[in-house]
C-alpha atoms as a PDB file:
ATOM      1  CA  MET A   1      52.995  -7.435 -41.812  1.00  0.00           C
ATOM      2  CA  GLU A   2      53.815  -7.963 -45.496  1.00  0.00           C
ATOM      3  CA  PRO A   3      50.779  -7.354 -47.725  1.00  0.00           C
ATOM      4  CA  PHE A   4      49.536 -10.178 -49.926  1.00  0.00           C
ATOM      5  CA  THR A   5      48.284  -9.220 -53.385  1.00  0.00           C
ATOM      6  CA  THR A   6      49.558 -11.656 -56.011  1.00  0.00           C
ATOM      7  CA  HIS A   7      52.077 -14.450 -55.628  1.00  0.00           C
ATOM      8  CA  SER A   8      53.700 -17.055 -57.849  1.00  0.00           C
ATOM      9  CA  GLY A   9      55.777 -19.809 -56.315  1.00  0.00           C
ATOM     10  CA  ILE A  10      56.715 -23.454 -56.014  1.00  0.00           C
ATOM     11  CA  ALA A  11      53.951 -25.541 -54.443  1.00  0.00           C
ATOM     12  CA  ALA A  12      54.877 -28.489 -52.227  1.00  0.00           C
ATOM     13  CA  PRO A  13      52.367 -31.377 -52.080  1.00  0.00           C
ATOM     14  CA  LEU A  14      51.853 -32.656 -48.529  1.00  0.00           C
ATOM     15  CA  ILE A  15      48.543 -34.456 -48.859  1.00  0.00           C
ATOM     16  CA  ARG A  16      47.757 -35.813 -45.402  1.00  0.00           C
ATOM     17  CA  ILE A  17      44.508 -35.296 -43.533  1.00  0.00           C
ATOM     18  CA  ASN A  18      44.147 -33.849 -40.035  1.00  0.00           C
ATOM     19  CA  ILE A  19      47.664 -32.402 -39.787  1.00  0.00           C
ATOM     20  CA  ASP A  20      47.489 -30.767 -36.383  1.00  0.00           C
ATOM     21  CA  THR A  21      49.482 -27.893 -34.937  1.00  0.00           C
ATOM     22  CA  ASP A  22      51.639 -30.274 -32.903  1.00  0.00           C
ATOM     23  CA  ALA A  23      52.739 -31.927 -36.145  1.00  0.00           C
ATOM     24  CA  ILE A  24      53.388 -28.535 -37.725  1.00  0.00           C
ATOM     25  CA  ILE A  25      55.612 -27.575 -34.792  1.00  0.00           C
ATOM     26  CA  PRO A  26      56.106 -29.945 -31.830  1.00  0.00           C
ATOM     27  CA  SER A  27      56.067 -28.296 -28.404  1.00  0.00           C
ATOM     28  CA  ARG A  28      59.758 -29.029 -27.817  1.00  0.00           C
ATOM     29  CA  GLU A  29      60.557 -26.788 -30.797  1.00  0.00           C
ATOM     30  CA  MET A  30      58.910 -23.733 -29.225  1.00  0.00           C
ATOM     31  CA  LYS A  31      61.841 -22.570 -27.123  1.00  0.00           C
ATOM     32  CA  ARG A  32      62.646 -19.324 -28.907  1.00  0.00           C
ATOM     33  CA  VAL A  33      61.609 -15.932 -27.594  1.00  0.00           C
ATOM     34  CA  SER A  34      61.295 -14.465 -31.096  1.00  0.00           C
ATOM     35  CA  LYS A  35      59.439 -15.784 -34.135  1.00  0.00           C
ATOM     36  CA  GLU A  36      62.638 -15.940 -36.173  1.00  0.00           C
ATOM     37  CA  GLY A  37      64.158 -19.393 -36.485  1.00  0.00           C
ATOM     38  CA  LEU A  38      60.939 -21.298 -35.804  1.00  0.00           C
ATOM     39  CA  GLY A  39      60.947 -22.549 -39.390  1.00  0.00           C
ATOM     40  CA  GLU A  40      63.772 -24.921 -38.463  1.00  0.00           C
ATOM     41  CA  GLY A  41      61.379 -26.792 -36.185  1.00  0.00           C
ATOM     42  CA  MET A  42      58.499 -26.917 -38.672  1.00  0.00           C
ATOM     43  CA  PHE A  43      57.360 -30.534 -39.246  1.00  0.00           C
ATOM     44  CA  ALA A  44      60.408 -31.581 -37.212  1.00  0.00           C
ATOM     45  CA  ASN A  45      59.187 -35.131 -36.604  1.00  0.00           C
ATOM     46  CA  TRP A  46      58.811 -35.653 -40.356  1.00  0.00           C
ATOM     47  CA  ARG A  47      61.678 -33.540 -41.697  1.00  0.00           C
ATOM     48  CA  TYR A  48      64.395 -35.128 -39.576  1.00  0.00           C
ATOM     49  CA  SER A  49      65.425 -38.762 -39.229  1.00  0.00           C
ATOM     50  CA  ASP A  50      67.172 -37.668 -36.034  1.00  0.00           C
ATOM     51  CA  VAL A  51      65.609 -34.571 -34.467  1.00  0.00           C
ATOM     52  CA  ALA A  52      68.522 -34.013 -32.071  1.00  0.00           C
ATOM     53  CA  THR A  53      71.174 -33.878 -34.811  1.00  0.00           C
ATOM     54  CA  ARG A  54      68.831 -32.437 -37.464  1.00  0.00           C
ATOM     55  CA  GLU A  55      69.710 -35.276 -39.834  1.00  0.00           C
ATOM     56  CA  GLU A  56      67.263 -34.865 -42.690  1.00  0.00           C
ATOM     57  CA  ASN A  57      64.766 -37.462 -43.825  1.00  0.00           C
ATOM     58  CA  PRO A  58      65.299 -37.572 -47.616  1.00  0.00           C
ATOM     59  CA  ASP A  59      61.782 -38.916 -48.191  1.00  0.00           C
ATOM     60  CA  PHE A  60      60.072 -35.825 -46.771  1.00  0.00           C
ATOM     61  CA  VAL A  61      58.855 -33.495 -49.487  1.00  0.00           C
ATOM     62  CA  LEU A  62      60.336 -30.276 -48.081  1.00  0.00           C
ATOM     63  CA  ASN A  63      63.791 -31.868 -48.027  1.00  0.00           C
ATOM     64  CA  GLN A  64      63.644 -32.444 -51.783  1.00  0.00           C
ATOM     65  CA  ALA A  65      64.587 -30.031 -54.531  1.00  0.00           C
ATOM     66  CA  PRO A  66      62.948 -27.787 -55.571  1.00  0.00           C
ATOM     67  CA  PHE A  67      60.432 -28.026 -52.716  1.00  0.00           C
ATOM     68  CA  ARG A  68      63.019 -26.652 -50.297  1.00  0.00           C
ATOM     69  CA  GLN A  69      62.114 -23.306 -51.843  1.00  0.00           C
ATOM     70  CA  ALA A  70      58.344 -23.882 -51.667  1.00  0.00           C
ATOM     71  CA  THR A  71      56.244 -20.843 -50.804  1.00  0.00           C
ATOM     72  CA  ILE A  72      52.887 -22.582 -51.256  1.00  0.00           C
ATOM     73  CA  LEU A  73      51.719 -25.698 -49.423  1.00  0.00           C
ATOM     74  CA  LEU A  74      49.154 -28.107 -50.876  1.00  0.00           C
ATOM     75  CA  THR A  75      47.645 -30.236 -48.165  1.00  0.00           C
ATOM     76  CA  GLY A  76      44.678 -32.231 -46.913  1.00  0.00           C
ATOM     77  CA  VAL A  77      41.411 -31.877 -45.056  1.00  0.00           C
ATOM     78  CA  ASN A  78      41.345 -30.140 -41.659  1.00  0.00           C
ATOM     79  CA  PHE A  79      44.850 -28.709 -41.854  1.00  0.00           C
ATOM     80  CA  GLY A  80      45.931 -26.922 -38.665  1.00  0.00           C
ATOM     81  CA  CYS A  81      43.502 -28.686 -36.337  1.00  0.00           C
ATOM     82  CA  GLY A  82      44.339 -29.390 -32.697  1.00  0.00           C
ATOM     83  CA  SER A  83      45.673 -26.794 -30.279  1.00  0.00           C
ATOM     84  CA  SER A  84      45.478 -23.056 -30.879  1.00  0.00           C
ATOM     85  CA  ARG A  85      49.250 -22.503 -30.810  1.00  0.00           C
ATOM     86  CA  GLU A  86      50.115 -19.584 -33.059  1.00  0.00           C
ATOM     87  CA  HIS A  87      53.689 -20.870 -33.257  1.00  0.00           C
ATOM     88  CA  ALA A  88      52.499 -23.233 -36.007  1.00  0.00           C
ATOM     89  CA  VAL A  89      51.750 -20.282 -38.277  1.00  0.00           C
ATOM     90  CA  TRP A  90      54.917 -18.458 -37.223  1.00  0.00           C
ATOM     91  CA  ALA A  91      56.977 -21.530 -38.160  1.00  0.00           C
ATOM     92  CA  LEU A  92      55.345 -21.794 -41.587  1.00  0.00           C
ATOM     93  CA  LYS A  93      55.909 -18.105 -42.230  1.00  0.00           C
ATOM     94  CA  ASP A  94      59.521 -18.262 -41.072  1.00  0.00           C
ATOM     95  CA  PHE A  95      60.125 -21.146 -43.497  1.00  0.00           C
ATOM     96  CA  GLY A  96      58.788 -18.951 -46.299  1.00  0.00           C
ATOM     97  CA  ILE A  97      55.230 -20.200 -46.800  1.00  0.00           C
ATOM     98  CA  ARG A  98      52.970 -17.439 -48.174  1.00  0.00           C
ATOM     99  CA  ALA A  99      49.843 -19.484 -48.931  1.00  0.00           C
ATOM    100  CA  ILE A 100      48.278 -22.816 -47.956  1.00  0.00           C
ATOM    101  CA  ILE A 101      45.729 -24.567 -50.160  1.00  0.00           C
ATOM    102  CA  ALA A 102      43.531 -27.212 -48.528  1.00  0.00           C
ATOM    103  CA  PRO A 103      39.913 -28.406 -48.604  1.00  0.00           C
ATOM    104  CA  SER A 104      39.426 -27.198 -45.010  1.00  0.00           C
ATOM    105  CA  PHE A 105      41.307 -25.755 -42.037  1.00  0.00           C
ATOM    106  CA  GLY A 106      41.131 -25.722 -38.272  1.00  0.00           C
ATOM    107  CA  SER A 107      39.168 -22.543 -37.536  1.00  0.00           C
ATOM    108  CA  ILE A 108      41.643 -20.968 -35.097  1.00  0.00           C
ATOM    109  CA  PHE A 109      44.564 -21.858 -37.349  1.00  0.00           C
ATOM    110  CA  TYR A 110      42.794 -20.224 -40.309  1.00  0.00           C
ATOM    111  CA  GLY A 111      42.406 -16.978 -38.371  1.00  0.00           C
ATOM    112  CA  ASN A 112      46.025 -17.092 -37.204  1.00  0.00           C
ATOM    113  CA  CYS A 113      47.147 -17.427 -40.827  1.00  0.00           C
ATOM    114  CA  VAL A 114      45.264 -14.297 -41.868  1.00  0.00           C
ATOM    115  CA  ARG A 115      46.592 -12.341 -38.894  1.00  0.00           C
ATOM    116  CA  ASN A 116      50.169 -13.263 -39.793  1.00  0.00           C
ATOM    117  CA  GLY A 117      50.109 -12.636 -43.527  1.00  0.00           C
ATOM    118  CA  ILE A 118      49.613 -16.204 -44.798  1.00  0.00           C
ATOM    119  CA  LEU A 119      46.734 -16.697 -47.227  1.00  0.00           C
ATOM    120  CA  PRO A 120      44.653 -19.832 -46.441  1.00  0.00           C
ATOM    121  CA  ILE A 121      42.734 -20.961 -49.527  1.00  0.00           C
ATOM    122  CA  ARG A 122      39.911 -23.490 -49.494  1.00  0.00           C
ATOM    123  CA  LEU A 123      39.529 -25.500 -52.706  1.00  0.00           C
ATOM    124  CA  ALA A 124      37.632 -28.720 -53.350  1.00  0.00           C
ATOM    125  CA  GLU A 125      39.432 -31.903 -52.322  1.00  0.00           C
ATOM    126  CA  ASP A 126      39.625 -33.228 -55.896  1.00  0.00           C
ATOM    127  CA  THR A 127      41.067 -29.904 -57.073  1.00  0.00           C
ATOM    128  CA  VAL A 128      43.790 -29.975 -54.407  1.00  0.00           C
ATOM    129  CA  ALA A 129      44.547 -33.598 -55.361  1.00  0.00           C
ATOM    130  CA  ARG A 130      44.860 -32.567 -59.022  1.00  0.00           C
ATOM    131  CA  LEU A 131      47.216 -29.729 -58.152  1.00  0.00           C
ATOM    132  CA  ALA A 132      49.297 -32.038 -55.949  1.00  0.00           C
ATOM    133  CA  GLU A 133      49.600 -34.574 -58.783  1.00  0.00           C
ATOM    134  CA  LEU A 134      50.641 -31.846 -61.209  1.00  0.00           C
ATOM    135  CA  HIS A 135      53.337 -30.507 -58.920  1.00  0.00           C
ATOM    136  CA  GLU A 136      54.643 -33.970 -58.116  1.00  0.00           C
ATOM    137  CA  LYS A 137      55.157 -34.541 -61.842  1.00  0.00           C
ATOM    138  CA  THR A 138      56.461 -31.049 -62.617  1.00  0.00           C
ATOM    139  CA  PRO A 139      57.942 -29.781 -59.340  1.00  0.00           C
ATOM    140  CA  GLU A 140      59.537 -26.698 -60.931  1.00  0.00           C
ATOM    141  CA  ALA A 141      56.163 -25.442 -62.163  1.00  0.00           C
ATOM    142  CA  LYS A 142      54.876 -22.310 -60.489  1.00  0.00           C
ATOM    143  CA  LEU A 143      51.410 -21.861 -59.030  1.00  0.00           C
ATOM    144  CA  ALA A 144      49.934 -18.363 -59.295  1.00  0.00           C
ATOM    145  CA  ILE A 145      47.595 -16.781 -56.754  1.00  0.00           C
ATOM    146  CA  ASP A 146      45.685 -13.536 -57.262  1.00  0.00           C
ATOM    147  CA  LEU A 147      44.027 -12.386 -54.055  1.00  0.00           C
ATOM    148  CA  PRO A 148      42.216  -9.306 -55.474  1.00  0.00           C
ATOM    149  CA  ALA A 149      40.607 -11.539 -58.138  1.00  0.00           C
ATOM    150  CA  GLN A 150      40.385 -14.502 -55.701  1.00  0.00           C
ATOM    151  CA  ARG A 151      41.815 -16.967 -58.224  1.00  0.00           C
ATOM    152  CA  VAL A 152      44.410 -19.751 -58.376  1.00  0.00           C
ATOM    153  CA  GLN A 153      46.053 -20.649 -61.692  1.00  0.00           C
ATOM    154  CA  ASP A 154      48.363 -23.550 -62.503  1.00  0.00           C
ATOM    155  CA  ALA A 155      51.000 -23.791 -65.226  1.00  0.00           C
ATOM    156  CA  GLN A 156      48.695 -25.830 -67.483  1.00  0.00           C
ATOM    157  CA  GLY A 157      45.971 -23.211 -67.609  1.00  0.00           C
ATOM    158  CA  GLY A 158      43.798 -24.524 -64.793  1.00  0.00           C
ATOM    159  CA  ASP A 159      41.928 -21.705 -63.097  1.00  0.00           C
ATOM    160  CA  TRP A 160      39.898 -21.812 -59.878  1.00  0.00           C
ATOM    161  CA  SER A 161      38.119 -19.205 -57.784  1.00  0.00           C
ATOM    162  CA  PHE A 162      38.102 -19.209 -53.996  1.00  0.00           C
ATOM    163  CA  GLU A 163      36.048 -17.514 -51.311  1.00  0.00           C
ATOM    164  CA  ILE A 164      37.413 -15.347 -48.515  1.00  0.00           C
ATOM    165  CA  ALA A 165      35.680 -13.066 -46.011  1.00  0.00           C
ATOM    166  CA  ALA A 166      35.877  -9.372 -46.896  1.00  0.00           C
ATOM    167  CA  ALA A 167      37.578  -8.451 -43.601  1.00  0.00           C
ATOM    168  CA  ASP A 168      40.182 -11.201 -43.997  1.00  0.00           C
ATOM    169  CA  LYS A 169      40.865 -10.121 -47.579  1.00  0.00           C
ATOM    170  CA  GLU A 170      41.288  -6.497 -46.513  1.00  0.00           C
ATOM    171  CA  MET A 171      43.680  -7.466 -43.728  1.00  0.00           C
ATOM    172  CA  LEU A 172      45.879  -9.474 -46.102  1.00  0.00           C
ATOM    173  CA  LEU A 173      45.801  -7.000 -48.981  1.00  0.00           C
ATOM    174  CA  GLU A 174      46.800  -4.091 -46.752  1.00  0.00           C
ATOM    175  CA  GLY A 175      49.173  -6.045 -44.514  1.00  0.00           C
ATOM    176  CA  LEU A 176      47.321  -5.048 -41.358  1.00  0.00           C
ATOM    177  CA  ASP A 177      47.009  -6.764 -38.001  1.00  0.00           C
ATOM    178  CA  GLN A 178      43.874  -6.480 -35.850  1.00  0.00           C
ATOM    179  CA  ILE A 179      45.100  -3.360 -34.040  1.00  0.00           C
ATOM    180  CA  ALA A 180      45.907  -1.610 -37.319  1.00  0.00           C
ATOM    181  CA  MET A 181      42.488  -2.605 -38.682  1.00  0.00           C
ATOM    182  CA  THR A 182      40.843  -1.005 -35.642  1.00  0.00           C
ATOM    183  CA  LEU A 183      42.937   2.158 -35.985  1.00  0.00           C
ATOM    184  CA  LYS A 184      41.560   2.652 -39.496  1.00  0.00           C
ATOM    185  CA  HIS A 185      38.371   3.717 -37.710  1.00  0.00           C
ATOM    186  CA  ASP A 186      40.186   6.019 -35.289  1.00  0.00           C
ATOM    187  CA  ASP A 187      38.246   9.134 -36.375  1.00  0.00           C
ATOM    188  CA  LYS A 188      34.892   7.405 -35.842  1.00  0.00           C
ATOM    189  CA  ILE A 189      36.007   6.045 -32.466  1.00  0.00           C
ATOM    190  CA  ARG A 190      37.143   9.504 -31.318  1.00  0.00           C
ATOM    191  CA  ALA A 191      33.942  11.102 -32.589  1.00  0.00           C
ATOM    192  CA  PHE A 192      31.838   8.559 -30.708  1.00  0.00           C
ATOM    193  CA  MET A 193      33.801   9.098 -27.503  1.00  0.00           C
ATOM    194  CA  ALA A 194      33.486  12.874 -27.794  1.00  0.00           C
ATOM    195  CA  GLY A 195      29.734  12.599 -28.286  1.00  0.00           C
ATOM    196  CA  ASP A 196      29.384  10.107 -25.483  1.00  0.00           C
ATOM    197  CA  ARG A 197      31.356  12.365 -23.169  1.00  0.00           C
ATOM    198  CA  GLU A 198      28.812  15.141 -23.783  1.00  0.00           C
ATOM    199  CA  THR A 199      25.829  12.802 -23.410  1.00  0.00           C
ATOM    200  CA  ARG A 200      27.073  10.999 -20.276  1.00  0.00           C
ATOM    201  CA  PRO A 201      29.673  13.261 -18.612  1.00  0.00           C
ATOM    202  CA  TRP A 202      29.173  11.556 -15.216  1.00  0.00           C
ATOM    203  CA  ILE A 203      30.662   8.311 -16.585  1.00  0.00           C
ATOM    204  CA  TYR A 204      33.928  10.019 -17.389  1.00  0.00           C
ATOM    205  CA  ALA A 205      33.922  11.968 -14.108  1.00  0.00           C
ATOM    206  CA  GLN A 206      33.662   8.688 -12.180  1.00  0.00           C
ATOM    207  CA  ALA A 207      36.443   7.158 -14.254  1.00  0.00           C
ATOM    208  CA  GLN A 208      38.663  10.146 -13.491  1.00  0.00           C
ATOM    209  CA  CYS A 209      37.963   9.833  -9.773  1.00  0.00           C
ATOM    210  CA  HIS A 210      38.935   6.167  -9.787  1.00  0.00           C
ATOM    211  CA  MET A 211      42.162   6.992 -11.621  1.00  0.00           C
ATOM    212  CA  ASN A 212      43.037   9.614  -9.003  1.00  0.00           C
END
């Protein structure tokens, strides 16, 4: 997983509330075995006037220059609610989204973002609205994110801090998934098992018998 430290990119304003995972990627778009290519189906019902032919809807923000190259999404309350489908995050990542800024997120979606290298940032609703207005007026402007400092900065000098759990921050900064995070404690795990084997040898003897 690609680590996230600092990032500067184009921010696309998509200010709608309660955007659920089915809107992010409809179920009919989840036909691929791999994660690659899922970005094509992201927001399919909104991006395409005709989903079958992939005729683009020119009014949708991600079909407009320069938002086609957006790496940051500005959006509304409760983003990523609905089902737990991880494909929604995979689609966003495949499109090129590195961070999502919203007042709140669906809890499972938030966790899926962290575990796939996308930084979910919670900012106040009026702050997100201000950023959206700025980037509608000056779409080429870059938004800067500093995860170690936990700050967001706009091109006009606006500066905001955000909160993130220590474990989530560590996972993103080091580009680790849950298994890799666990393996960081491999020495402690092995030491515990060795000690436990001496303290309760009968447990391991029974396990060996069952395996045989």
